[in-house]
C-alpha atoms as a PDB file:
ATOM      1  CA  UNK A   1      -9.025 -51.841  31.290  1.00  0.00           C
ATOM      2  CA  UNK A   2      -8.741 -53.528  27.939  1.00  0.00           C
ATOM      3  CA  UNK A   3      -5.455 -53.697  26.059  1.00  0.00           C
ATOM      4  CA  UNK A   4      -7.292 -52.807  22.841  1.00  0.00           C
ATOM      5  CA  UNK A   5      -7.069 -48.988  23.272  1.00  0.00           C
ATOM      6  CA  UNK A   6      -3.336 -49.292  24.016  1.00  0.00           C
ATOM      7  CA  UNK A   7      -2.792 -51.381  20.873  1.00  0.00           C
ATOM      8  CA  UNK A   8      -4.622 -48.715  18.826  1.00  0.00           C
ATOM      9  CA  UNK A   9      -2.536 -45.926  20.419  1.00  0.00           C
ATOM     10  CA  UNK A  10       0.729 -47.764  19.737  1.00  0.00           C
ATOM     11  CA  UNK A  11      -0.208 -48.759  16.187  1.00  0.00           C
ATOM     12  CA  UNK A  12      -1.226 -45.248  15.124  1.00  0.00           C
ATOM     13  CA  UNK A  13       1.290 -43.411  17.357  1.00  0.00           C
ATOM     14  CA  UNK A  14      -1.426 -41.515  19.216  1.00  0.00           C
ATOM     15  CA  UNK A  15      -0.497 -39.307  22.171  1.00  0.00           C
ATOM     16  CA  UNK A  16      -1.635 -40.739  25.493  1.00  0.00           C
ATOM     17  CA  UNK A  17      -2.837 -37.368  26.817  1.00  0.00           C
ATOM     18  CA  UNK A  18      -5.399 -37.064  24.000  1.00  0.00           C
ATOM     19  CA  UNK A  19      -8.575 -39.153  23.907  1.00  0.00           C
ATOM     20  CA  UNK A  20      -9.454 -41.514  21.087  1.00  0.00           C
ATOM     21  CA  UNK A  21     -12.473 -39.248  20.518  1.00  0.00           C
ATOM     22  CA  UNK A  22     -10.087 -36.358  19.813  1.00  0.00           C
ATOM     23  CA  UNK A  23      -8.486 -38.381  17.024  1.00  0.00           C
ATOM     24  CA  UNK A  24     -11.815 -39.561  15.621  1.00  0.00           C
ATOM     25  CA  UNK A  25     -13.092 -35.976  15.501  1.00  0.00           C
ATOM     26  CA  UNK A  26      -9.813 -34.878  13.912  1.00  0.00           C
ATOM     27  CA  UNK A  27     -10.216 -37.585  11.257  1.00  0.00           C
ATOM     28  CA  UNK A  28     -13.791 -36.483  10.527  1.00  0.00           C
ATOM     29  CA  UNK A  29     -12.959 -32.792  10.156  1.00  0.00           C
ATOM     30  CA  UNK A  30      -9.518 -32.989   8.482  1.00  0.00           C
ATOM     31  CA  UNK A  31      -9.893 -36.052   6.260  1.00  0.00           C
ATOM     32  CA  UNK A  32     -13.598 -36.200   5.433  1.00  0.00           C
ATOM     33  CA  UNK A  33     -14.702 -32.552   5.622  1.00  0.00           C
ATOM     34  CA  UNK A  34     -11.278 -31.148   4.539  1.00  0.00           C
ATOM     35  CA  UNK A  35     -11.137 -28.546   7.325  1.00  0.00           C
ATOM     36  CA  UNK A  36      -7.430 -27.794   7.931  1.00  0.00           C
ATOM     37  CA  UNK A  37      -6.627 -30.615   5.512  1.00  0.00           C
ATOM     38  CA  UNK A  38      -3.097 -29.299   4.909  1.00  0.00           C
ATOM     39  CA  UNK A  39      -2.118 -29.815   8.545  1.00  0.00           C
ATOM     40  CA  UNK A  40       0.037 -32.917   9.082  1.00  0.00           C
ATOM     41  CA  UNK A  41      -0.749 -33.433  12.797  1.00  0.00           C
ATOM     42  CA  UNK A  42      -3.981 -33.906  14.726  1.00  0.00           C
ATOM     43  CA  UNK A  43      -5.688 -30.747  15.914  1.00  0.00           C
ATOM     44  CA  UNK A  44      -8.890 -29.650  17.595  1.00  0.00           C
ATOM     45  CA  UNK A  45     -11.780 -29.228  15.188  1.00  0.00           C
ATOM     46  CA  UNK A  46     -12.356 -25.615  16.348  1.00  0.00           C
ATOM     47  CA  UNK A  47      -8.791 -24.535  15.545  1.00  0.00           C
ATOM     48  CA  UNK A  48      -7.871 -22.879  12.243  1.00  0.00           C
ATOM     49  CA  UNK A  49      -4.454 -22.971  10.618  1.00  0.00           C
ATOM     50  CA  UNK A  50      -3.615 -21.083   7.432  1.00  0.00           C
ATOM     51  CA  UNK A  51      -0.425 -21.995   5.539  1.00  0.00           C
ATOM     52  CA  UNK A  52       0.436 -25.027   7.678  1.00  0.00           C
ATOM     53  CA  UNK A  53       3.312 -25.747   5.282  1.00  0.00           C
ATOM     54  CA  UNK A  54       5.032 -22.601   6.633  1.00  0.00           C
ATOM     55  CA  UNK A  55       5.024 -23.819  10.224  1.00  0.00           C
ATOM     56  CA  UNK A  56       8.186 -25.355  11.626  1.00  0.00           C
ATOM     57  CA  UNK A  57       7.489 -27.110  14.895  1.00  0.00           C
ATOM     58  CA  UNK A  58       9.802 -28.657  17.422  1.00  0.00           C
ATOM     59  CA  UNK A  59       9.700 -31.867  19.382  1.00  0.00           C
ATOM     60  CA  UNK A  60       6.387 -32.586  21.159  1.00  0.00           C
ATOM     61  CA  UNK A  61       4.674 -29.498  19.689  1.00  0.00           C
ATOM     62  CA  UNK A  62       1.183 -29.745  18.198  1.00  0.00           C
ATOM     63  CA  UNK A  63      -0.129 -26.260  17.383  1.00  0.00           C
ATOM     64  CA  UNK A  64      -3.916 -26.242  17.326  1.00  0.00           C
ATOM     65  CA  UNK A  65      -4.548 -29.226  19.570  1.00  0.00           C
ATOM     66  CA  UNK A  66      -6.185 -26.846  22.061  1.00  0.00           C
ATOM     67  CA  UNK A  67      -9.637 -25.502  21.148  1.00  0.00           C
ATOM     68  CA  UNK A  68     -10.015 -22.276  19.193  1.00  0.00           C
ATOM     69  CA  UNK A  69      -6.384 -21.731  18.218  1.00  0.00           C
ATOM     70  CA  UNK A  70      -5.903 -19.471  15.177  1.00  0.00           C
ATOM     71  CA  UNK A  71      -2.609 -19.504  13.299  1.00  0.00           C
ATOM     72  CA  UNK A  72      -1.876 -17.428  10.218  1.00  0.00           C
ATOM     73  CA  UNK A  73       1.545 -18.575   9.044  1.00  0.00           C
ATOM     74  CA  UNK A  74       1.606 -16.480   5.857  1.00  0.00           C
ATOM     75  CA  UNK A  75       5.111 -15.189   6.699  1.00  0.00           C
ATOM     76  CA  UNK A  76       6.130 -18.271   8.671  1.00  0.00           C
ATOM     77  CA  UNK A  77       5.866 -19.520  12.238  1.00  0.00           C
ATOM     78  CA  UNK A  78       8.618 -21.414  14.110  1.00  0.00           C
ATOM     79  CA  UNK A  79       7.819 -23.056  17.419  1.00  0.00           C
ATOM     80  CA  UNK A  80      10.539 -24.637  19.534  1.00  0.00           C
ATOM     81  CA  UNK A  81      10.597 -27.941  21.397  1.00  0.00           C
ATOM     82  CA  UNK A  82       8.123 -28.628  24.226  1.00  0.00           C
ATOM     83  CA  UNK A  83       6.166 -25.410  23.749  1.00  0.00           C
ATOM     84  CA  UNK A  84       2.494 -25.399  24.783  1.00  0.00           C
ATOM     85  CA  UNK A  85      -0.158 -23.300  23.094  1.00  0.00           C
ATOM     86  CA  UNK A  86      -3.308 -22.785  25.142  1.00  0.00           C
ATOM     87  CA  UNK A  87      -6.916 -22.421  23.999  1.00  0.00           C
ATOM     88  CA  UNK A  88      -7.919 -19.466  21.801  1.00  0.00           C
ATOM     89  CA  UNK A  89      -4.323 -18.364  21.188  1.00  0.00           C
ATOM     90  CA  UNK A  90      -3.650 -16.397  18.006  1.00  0.00           C
ATOM     91  CA  UNK A  91      -0.313 -16.519  16.154  1.00  0.00           C
ATOM     92  CA  UNK A  92      -0.459 -13.987  13.367  1.00  0.00           C
ATOM     93  CA  UNK A  93       2.537 -13.658  11.048  1.00  0.00           C
ATOM     94  CA  UNK A  94       1.103 -11.082   8.625  1.00  0.00           C
ATOM     95  CA  UNK A  95      -1.120  -8.029   8.543  1.00  0.00           C
ATOM     96  CA  UNK A  96      -3.460  -6.938   5.792  1.00  0.00           C
ATOM     97  CA  UNK A  97      -2.484  -4.021   3.601  1.00  0.00           C
ATOM     98  CA  UNK A  98      -4.425  -1.029   5.036  1.00  0.00           C
ATOM     99  CA  UNK A  99      -5.513   0.076   1.553  1.00  0.00           C
ATOM    100  CA  UNK A 100      -6.023  -3.261  -0.213  1.00  0.00           C
ATOM    101  CA  UNK A 101      -7.497  -5.776   2.234  1.00  0.00           C
ATOM    102  CA  UNK A 102      -6.893  -8.590  -0.303  1.00  0.00           C
ATOM    103  CA  UNK A 103      -3.111  -8.249   0.175  1.00  0.00           C
ATOM    104  CA  UNK A 104      -0.920  -9.228   3.102  1.00  0.00           C
ATOM    105  CA  UNK A 105       2.140  -7.215   4.082  1.00  0.00           C
ATOM    106  CA  UNK A 106       5.526  -8.919   4.300  1.00  0.00           C
ATOM    107  CA  UNK A 107       6.928  -9.327   7.801  1.00  0.00           C
ATOM    108  CA  UNK A 108       9.368 -11.488   9.669  1.00  0.00           C
ATOM    109  CA  UNK A 109       8.133 -14.846  10.922  1.00  0.00           C
ATOM    110  CA  UNK A 110       6.762 -15.401  14.408  1.00  0.00           C
ATOM    111  CA  UNK A 111       9.479 -17.287  16.316  1.00  0.00           C
ATOM    112  CA  UNK A 112       8.763 -18.954  19.638  1.00  0.00           C
ATOM    113  CA  UNK A 113      11.560 -20.643  21.570  1.00  0.00           C
ATOM    114  CA  UNK A 114      11.810 -23.935  23.422  1.00  0.00           C
ATOM    115  CA  UNK A 115       9.803 -24.672  26.576  1.00  0.00           C
ATOM    116  CA  UNK A 116       7.469 -21.714  26.136  1.00  0.00           C
ATOM    117  CA  UNK A 117       3.874 -21.537  27.285  1.00  0.00           C
ATOM    118  CA  UNK A 118       1.240 -19.328  25.684  1.00  0.00           C
ATOM    119  CA  UNK A 119      -1.765 -18.843  27.973  1.00  0.00           C
ATOM    120  CA  UNK A 120      -5.404 -18.785  26.955  1.00  0.00           C
ATOM    121  CA  UNK A 121      -6.368 -16.009  24.574  1.00  0.00           C
ATOM    122  CA  UNK A 122      -2.843 -14.661  24.051  1.00  0.00           C
ATOM    123  CA  UNK A 123      -2.115 -13.050  20.681  1.00  0.00           C
ATOM    124  CA  UNK A 124       1.365 -12.906  19.134  1.00  0.00           C
ATOM    125  CA  UNK A 125       1.723 -10.430  16.261  1.00  0.00           C
ATOM    126  CA  UNK A 126       3.916 -10.458  13.117  1.00  0.00           C
ATOM    127  CA  UNK A 127       7.690 -10.524  13.467  1.00  0.00           C
ATOM    128  CA  UNK A 128       7.669 -11.212  17.216  1.00  0.00           C
ATOM    129  CA  UNK A 129      10.434 -13.420  18.616  1.00  0.00           C
ATOM    130  CA  UNK A 130      10.134 -15.048  22.025  1.00  0.00           C
ATOM    131  CA  UNK A 131      13.190 -16.646  23.609  1.00  0.00           C
ATOM    132  CA  UNK A 132      13.310 -19.971  25.440  1.00  0.00           C
ATOM    133  CA  UNK A 133      11.172 -20.321  28.573  1.00  0.00           C
ATOM    134  CA  UNK A 134       8.914 -17.369  27.823  1.00  0.00           C
ATOM    135  CA  UNK A 135       5.525 -17.626  29.499  1.00  0.00           C
ATOM    136  CA  UNK A 136       2.837 -15.490  27.881  1.00  0.00           C
ATOM    137  CA  UNK A 137       0.005 -14.685  30.269  1.00  0.00           C
ATOM    138  CA  UNK A 138      -3.629 -15.274  29.389  1.00  0.00           C
ATOM    139  CA  UNK A 139      -5.052 -12.533  27.195  1.00  0.00           C
ATOM    140  CA  UNK A 140      -1.679 -10.890  26.528  1.00  0.00           C
ATOM    141  CA  UNK A 141      -1.096  -9.072  23.243  1.00  0.00           C
ATOM    142  CA  UNK A 142       2.553  -9.490  22.246  1.00  0.00           C
ATOM    143  CA  UNK A 143       3.505  -6.620  19.954  1.00  0.00           C
ATOM    144  CA  UNK A 144       7.292  -6.707  20.409  1.00  0.00           C
ATOM    145  CA  UNK A 145       9.992  -9.341  20.794  1.00  0.00           C
ATOM    146  CA  UNK A 146      11.405 -10.750  24.031  1.00  0.00           C
ATOM    147  CA  UNK A 147      14.328 -12.708  22.556  1.00  0.00           C
ATOM    148  CA  UNK A 148      16.160 -13.075  25.882  1.00  0.00           C
ATOM    149  CA  UNK A 149      13.403 -15.361  27.208  1.00  0.00           C
ATOM    150  CA  UNK A 150      13.344 -16.775  30.751  1.00  0.00           C
ATOM    151  CA  UNK A 151      10.488 -14.486  31.693  1.00  0.00           C
ATOM    152  CA  UNK A 152       6.757 -14.145  32.141  1.00  0.00           C
ATOM    153  CA  UNK A 153       5.092 -11.485  30.023  1.00  0.00           C
ATOM    154  CA  UNK A 154       1.529 -10.247  30.308  1.00  0.00           C
ATOM    155  CA  UNK A 155      -0.748  -7.351  29.453  1.00  0.00           C
ATOM    156  CA  UNK A 156      -1.654  -5.302  26.402  1.00  0.00           C
ATOM    157  CA  UNK A 157       0.900  -4.566  25.143  1.00  0.00           C
ATOM    158  CA  UNK A 158       2.810  -7.379  26.825  1.00  0.00           C
ATOM    159  CA  UNK A 159       5.619  -6.475  29.195  1.00  0.00           C
ATOM    160  CA  UNK A 160       7.866  -8.477  31.532  1.00  0.00           C
ATOM    161  CA  UNK A 161       6.203  -9.123  34.880  1.00  0.00           C
ATOM    162  CA  UNK A 162       8.549 -11.823  36.202  1.00  0.00           C
ATOM    163  CA  UNK A 163      12.043 -13.117  35.465  1.00  0.00           C
ATOM    164  CA  UNK A 164      12.525 -16.888  35.699  1.00  0.00           C
ATOM    165  CA  UNK A 165      15.477 -18.648  37.303  1.00  0.00           C
ATOM    166  CA  UNK A 166      17.656 -19.519  34.318  1.00  0.00           C
ATOM    167  CA  UNK A 167      19.555 -22.273  36.182  1.00  0.00           C
ATOM    168  CA  UNK A 168      16.320 -24.024  37.192  1.00  0.00           C
ATOM    169  CA  UNK A 169      14.948 -23.718  33.640  1.00  0.00           C
ATOM    170  CA  UNK A 170      18.106 -25.139  32.082  1.00  0.00           C
ATOM    171  CA  UNK A 171      18.172 -28.034  34.585  1.00  0.00           C
ATOM    172  CA  UNK A 172      14.569 -28.830  33.671  1.00  0.00           C
ATOM    173  CA  UNK A 173      15.384 -28.685  29.942  1.00  0.00           C
ATOM    174  CA  UNK A 174      18.399 -30.953  30.380  1.00  0.00           C
ATOM    175  CA  UNK A 175      16.093 -33.589  31.859  1.00  0.00           C
ATOM    176  CA  UNK A 176      13.864 -33.487  28.758  1.00  0.00           C
ATOM    177  CA  UNK A 177      16.539 -34.315  26.186  1.00  0.00           C
END
């Protein structure tokens, strides 16, 4: 294998788990076609992010790098360190006014803790807070907060289906920092 791709990755600080093609497509859509142009990190060309300036993201977090992610950060979105967002996930921080569809209603931000994992097709609604080590099952609709974390939630509406071993989670997290 040639050293050239590694030189490119190091020079432009590209993540090793993403292909060069991912970054070329990102450049085409974000820089030349101005799709998601306000986003400051590389993302999949099928993802949509509104109000990227209202997203606070932790270490090693790249919302929208999976295909089909939709994020509406009108009222803010905070995502903790090492959190993964799967394909077709929706993070929605505001609802439309039921009378005037041109207006959005104020709500608290969506807050997702450290070391969380949102499975394919999960939807997190306005004002929801998820604590550290919350796993959201594929297709779940999260309508209420689970601030205590250390759990797996699934279903519509989402509910706790498993409690994680806090000691094991914290030992894993300590190895990441």
